[in-house]
Amino acid sequence: LVQVFQNHAQLKVRTLAALDAEQVSSATALLPRRRCPDIALPGLERLCQLEHALPDPLRGFLRNVLLDPAIGLPFLRCRASVNHHHADVGGLLMHSTGLLDQAAELTRTIIPHDAWSPHLAQLGYLLHDLGKLRTVGELRRPRHARVVPHEFVTIELLAPHLRWLEQRDLDLATALRHLFSYLATPAKARTTPRHVVAEIVEKLDQLSAASHNRRDLDYLLQEPRRAHSGEPSRRRSAPASPRHPTLRAG
């Protein structure tokens, strides 16, 4: 109801009712950008793109995950680690969205006949570290953070949403359960997964986590003593652009 008060239009709200998740067209549109650190804003944009690109029912699954109060808002600000990779506030979102395109591309290359697996790879990569919401946190580790591995907490957080997906597509829910259970298995006890998507997510996670090491050509060529002393390395100049011969008119 709109009414006029002191010569200004005023909206008068009589009742408020929560929307059912099925009525929400975009979960990322409801995530407040002001709560997202500047360094993680590209990750939020990529998350928005992913939500709109996913086919149903995977899109509905991601929508429900992001609308979960225990997940959506904390996901914007959580760190990916305490003092390892992506340790800034918002680092988890950066880590979890940085290689989404590569997840899909690798899957299409390895199993080009499978139309669903690229989407599963992207969802798996996006959510693989979700348990860090409760084991790493935004500024400090939550209480009892070291008692349970974050991979187990990931499964716990996603359990109700996987049940929702199971009611709509048992095959897709089973694939995601296989992926997260594989990642929750200690590395030394893992065997070759039956779905290559799990292995793709595992390898991309390792590559993203290693990005902070900056093991580039200059690092390789440093003397070991200097490499471990923290001394700045001498940077090689960039290669010159190849010169193309001048084209002559015939």
Protein backbone atom coordinates (compact mmCIF):
# COMPACT_ATOMS: atom_id res chain seq x y z
CA LEU A 1 0.00 0.00 0.00
CA VAL A 2 1.36 3.44 -0.98
CA GLN A 3 0.31 6.43 1.08
CA VAL A 4 1.40 10.07 1.35
CA PHE A 5 3.07 11.29 4.53
CA GLN A 6 4.35 14.87 4.82
CA ASN A 7 4.12 15.27 1.06
CA HIS A 8 6.22 12.17 0.42
CA ALA A 9 5.09 8.84 -0.92
CA GLN A 10 5.45 6.12 1.67
CA LEU A 11 5.18 2.37 1.31
CA LYS A 12 3.13 0.79 4.04
CA VAL A 13 3.78 -2.92 4.54
CA ARG A 14 1.03 -4.80 6.30
CA THR A 15 2.35 -8.34 6.11
CA LEU A 16 5.53 -10.14 5.11
CA ALA A 17 5.67 -13.74 3.94
CA ALA A 18 8.76 -15.76 3.15
CA LEU A 19 9.01 -17.07 -0.39
CA ASP A 20 9.39 -20.76 -0.95
CA ALA A 21 12.78 -21.55 -2.45
CA GLU A 22 11.06 -22.77 -5.61
CA GLN A 23 9.71 -19.24 -6.15
CA VAL A 24 13.14 -17.60 -6.09
CA SER A 25 14.41 -17.09 -9.62
CA SER A 26 18.01 -16.27 -8.64
CA ALA A 27 19.75 -16.96 -5.34
CA THR A 28 22.87 -15.00 -6.30
CA ALA A 29 20.73 -11.90 -6.88
CA LEU A 30 19.79 -12.03 -3.20
CA LEU A 31 23.38 -12.24 -1.95
CA PRO A 32 24.40 -8.73 -0.77
CA ARG A 33 27.38 -7.45 -2.75
CA ARG A 34 28.30 -5.10 0.08
CA ARG A 35 29.08 -8.14 2.24
CA CYS A 36 31.48 -9.52 -0.35
CA PRO A 37 35.11 -8.31 -0.07
CA ASP A 38 36.36 -6.42 -3.13
CA ILE A 39 38.93 -9.11 -3.94
CA ALA A 40 36.16 -11.72 -4.09
CA LEU A 41 33.71 -9.75 -6.26
CA PRO A 42 34.93 -11.47 -9.46
CA GLY A 43 34.14 -14.75 -7.74
CA LEU A 44 30.62 -13.58 -6.96
CA GLU A 45 30.14 -12.58 -10.60
CA ARG A 46 31.36 -15.99 -11.73
CA LEU A 47 29.01 -17.67 -9.25
CA CYS A 48 26.11 -15.69 -10.70
CA GLN A 49 27.05 -16.79 -14.22
CA LEU A 50 27.23 -20.41 -13.14
CA GLU A 51 23.83 -20.33 -11.47
CA HIS A 52 22.17 -19.07 -14.65
CA ALA A 53 24.07 -21.48 -16.90
CA LEU A 54 23.24 -24.68 -15.02
CA PRO A 55 20.37 -26.83 -16.31
CA ASP A 56 17.58 -27.94 -14.01
CA PRO A 57 17.53 -29.64 -11.57
CA LEU A 58 21.17 -28.74 -10.86
CA ARG A 59 20.31 -25.07 -10.96
CA GLY A 60 17.62 -25.64 -8.34
CA PHE A 61 20.11 -27.58 -6.24
CA LEU A 62 22.60 -24.71 -6.28
CA ARG A 63 19.83 -22.21 -5.57
CA ASN A 64 18.81 -24.15 -2.47
CA VAL A 65 22.43 -24.38 -1.31
CA LEU A 66 22.96 -20.63 -1.63
CA LEU A 67 19.65 -19.82 0.07
CA ASP A 68 20.68 -21.90 3.08
CA PRO A 69 21.42 -19.37 5.89
CA ALA A 70 24.32 -21.54 7.05
CA ILE A 71 25.94 -21.35 3.61
CA GLY A 72 25.05 -18.37 1.42
CA LEU A 73 26.26 -15.37 3.43
CA PRO A 74 29.25 -17.09 5.10
CA PHE A 75 30.41 -18.27 1.65
CA LEU A 76 31.03 -14.65 0.64
CA ARG A 77 33.56 -13.99 3.39
CA CYS A 78 35.11 -17.27 4.52
CA ARG A 79 38.83 -17.87 4.03
CA ALA A 80 40.10 -20.92 2.16
CA SER A 81 42.84 -21.47 4.73
CA VAL A 82 44.35 -19.89 7.82
CA ASN A 83 47.83 -19.17 6.46
CA HIS A 84 48.18 -21.25 3.30
CA HIS A 85 46.39 -20.52 0.02
CA HIS A 86 43.63 -17.92 -0.43
CA ALA A 87 43.89 -16.97 3.24
CA ASP A 88 42.21 -13.57 2.85
CA VAL A 89 38.63 -12.88 3.83
CA GLY A 90 36.65 -13.99 0.78
CA GLY A 91 39.40 -16.41 -0.21
CA LEU A 92 37.13 -19.46 -0.26
CA LEU A 93 34.88 -17.89 -2.90
CA MET A 94 37.94 -16.98 -4.98
CA HIS A 95 39.37 -20.50 -4.68
CA SER A 96 36.02 -22.17 -5.41
CA THR A 97 35.25 -20.18 -8.57
CA GLY A 98 38.71 -19.62 -10.04
CA LEU A 99 38.88 -22.83 -12.09
CA LEU A 100 35.22 -23.45 -12.89
CA ASP A 101 35.79 -23.04 -16.62
CA GLN A 102 38.70 -25.46 -16.54
CA ALA A 103 36.58 -28.01 -14.70
CA ALA A 104 34.04 -28.03 -17.51
CA GLU A 105 36.63 -27.94 -20.30
CA LEU A 106 38.65 -30.85 -18.91
CA THR A 107 35.53 -32.93 -18.44
CA ARG A 108 34.38 -32.28 -22.01
CA THR A 109 37.83 -33.24 -23.28
CA ILE A 110 38.02 -36.50 -21.35
CA ILE A 111 34.40 -37.66 -21.69
CA PRO A 112 33.00 -35.67 -24.64
CA HIS A 113 29.95 -37.91 -24.95
CA ASP A 114 28.66 -37.03 -21.46
CA ALA A 115 26.54 -33.86 -21.45
CA TRP A 116 25.85 -33.80 -17.70
CA SER A 117 29.31 -34.37 -16.27
CA PRO A 118 30.75 -30.90 -17.10
CA HIS A 119 28.00 -29.37 -14.95
CA LEU A 120 28.67 -31.88 -12.18
CA ALA A 121 32.38 -31.04 -12.32
CA GLN A 122 31.63 -27.35 -11.91
CA LEU A 123 29.28 -27.92 -8.99
CA GLY A 124 31.73 -30.31 -7.38
CA TYR A 125 34.57 -27.84 -7.69
CA LEU A 126 32.45 -24.95 -6.43
CA LEU A 127 31.33 -26.82 -3.31
CA HIS A 128 34.27 -29.13 -2.57
CA ASP A 129 35.60 -26.99 0.30
CA LEU A 130 32.28 -25.82 1.70
CA GLY A 131 33.05 -27.46 5.05
CA LYS A 132 35.66 -24.76 5.66
CA LEU A 133 32.79 -22.50 6.65
CA ARG A 134 32.96 -24.39 9.96
CA THR A 135 36.63 -25.35 10.10
CA VAL A 136 38.37 -22.16 8.91
CA GLY A 137 35.87 -19.33 9.18
CA GLU A 138 36.10 -15.65 8.30
CA LEU A 139 38.55 -14.26 10.87
CA ARG A 140 39.31 -17.12 13.25
CA ARG A 141 38.71 -20.83 13.45
CA PRO A 142 35.32 -21.76 14.92
CA ARG A 143 35.25 -23.77 18.12
CA HIS A 144 36.16 -27.46 17.69
CA ALA A 145 37.23 -26.67 14.12
CA ARG A 146 39.98 -29.27 14.11
CA VAL A 147 37.88 -32.15 15.45
CA VAL A 148 36.20 -33.08 12.16
CA PRO A 149 37.80 -32.79 8.68
CA HIS A 150 36.26 -30.12 6.49
CA GLU A 151 35.46 -32.70 3.79
CA PHE A 152 33.08 -34.46 6.19
CA VAL A 153 31.47 -31.14 7.13
CA THR A 154 30.93 -30.44 3.43
CA ILE A 155 28.81 -33.59 3.14
CA GLU A 156 26.92 -32.67 6.31
CA LEU A 157 26.08 -29.18 5.02
CA LEU A 158 24.97 -30.48 1.64
CA ALA A 159 22.97 -33.46 2.92
CA PRO A 160 19.50 -31.82 2.91
CA HIS A 161 20.11 -30.33 -0.52
CA LEU A 162 21.30 -33.64 -1.93
CA ARG A 163 18.09 -35.20 -0.64
CA TRP A 164 16.16 -32.50 -2.51
CA LEU A 165 18.09 -33.32 -5.68
CA GLU A 166 17.58 -37.05 -5.16
CA GLN A 167 13.81 -36.57 -5.26
CA ARG A 168 14.17 -35.02 -8.71
CA ASP A 169 17.07 -36.95 -10.22
CA LEU A 170 18.60 -39.85 -8.33
CA ASP A 171 21.41 -40.26 -10.87
CA LEU A 172 22.71 -36.71 -10.46
CA ALA A 173 22.47 -36.86 -6.67
CA THR A 174 24.38 -40.14 -6.68
CA ALA A 175 27.13 -38.65 -8.84
CA LEU A 176 27.61 -35.72 -6.46
CA ARG A 177 27.59 -38.03 -3.44
CA HIS A 178 30.26 -40.16 -5.11
CA LEU A 179 32.37 -37.08 -5.74
CA PHE A 180 32.16 -35.70 -2.20
CA SER A 181 32.67 -39.10 -0.60
CA TYR A 182 35.79 -39.59 -2.73
CA LEU A 183 37.19 -36.24 -1.61
CA ALA A 184 36.38 -37.11 2.02
CA THR A 185 38.52 -40.25 1.77
CA PRO A 186 42.07 -39.69 3.09
CA ALA A 187 44.40 -39.13 0.13
CA LYS A 188 46.52 -42.23 0.82
CA ALA A 189 43.43 -44.43 0.91
CA ARG A 190 41.89 -43.18 -2.33
CA THR A 191 41.55 -45.49 -5.28
CA THR A 192 40.69 -44.55 -8.84
CA PRO A 193 37.18 -43.04 -8.74
CA ARG A 194 34.52 -44.61 -10.93
CA HIS A 195 33.53 -41.15 -12.19
CA VAL A 196 36.43 -39.14 -13.63
CA VAL A 197 34.79 -35.90 -12.48
CA ALA A 198 35.91 -36.66 -8.92
CA GLU A 199 39.52 -36.91 -10.09
CA ILE A 200 39.25 -33.69 -12.10
CA VAL A 201 37.99 -31.78 -9.07
CA GLU A 202 40.75 -33.29 -6.93
CA LYS A 203 43.52 -32.22 -9.34
CA LEU A 204 42.14 -28.72 -9.91
CA ASP A 205 41.88 -28.21 -6.16
CA GLN A 206 45.56 -29.10 -5.82
CA LEU A 207 46.56 -26.73 -8.62
CA SER A 208 44.58 -23.85 -7.17
CA ALA A 209 45.98 -24.47 -3.69
CA ALA A 210 49.53 -24.48 -5.11
CA SER A 211 49.09 -21.12 -6.82
CA HIS A 212 50.35 -19.25 -3.76
CA ASN A 213 53.76 -20.93 -4.05
CA ARG A 214 54.67 -18.99 -7.21
CA ARG A 215 56.90 -21.80 -8.41
CA ASP A 216 57.70 -20.05 -11.68
CA LEU A 217 60.82 -20.12 -13.86
CA ASP A 218 62.64 -17.63 -11.65
CA TYR A 219 61.89 -19.75 -8.58
CA LEU A 220 63.31 -22.79 -10.38
CA LEU A 221 66.53 -20.99 -11.25
CA GLN A 222 67.18 -19.51 -7.82
CA GLU A 223 69.89 -21.02 -5.69
CA PRO A 224 68.25 -23.11 -2.94
CA ARG A 225 69.67 -20.91 -0.19
CA ARG A 226 68.18 -17.76 -1.69
CA ALA A 227 64.88 -19.49 -2.46
CA HIS A 228 64.37 -20.32 1.22
CA SER A 229 65.76 -17.07 2.62
CA GLY A 230 62.94 -14.91 1.39
CA GLU A 231 65.28 -12.76 -0.72
CA PRO A 232 63.61 -11.27 -3.80
CA SER A 233 64.45 -13.11 -6.98
CA ARG A 234 65.80 -11.49 -10.10
CA ARG A 235 63.02 -11.52 -12.65
CA ARG A 236 63.72 -12.52 -16.22
CA SER A 237 62.51 -10.05 -18.77
CA ALA A 238 59.52 -11.07 -20.84
CA PRO A 239 60.27 -12.59 -24.25
CA ALA A 240 60.15 -10.22 -27.18
CA SER A 241 57.15 -10.49 -29.44
CA PRO A 242 57.92 -12.32 -32.69
CA ARG A 243 58.50 -10.03 -35.62
CA HIS A 244 56.39 -10.71 -38.65
CA PRO A 245 57.90 -9.97 -42.05
CA THR A 246 56.49 -6.92 -43.74
CA LEU A 247 53.91 -7.90 -46.31
CA ARG A 248 54.62 -6.50 -49.73
CA ALA A 249 51.86 -5.66 -52.13
CA GLY A 250 51.93 -7.80 -55.25
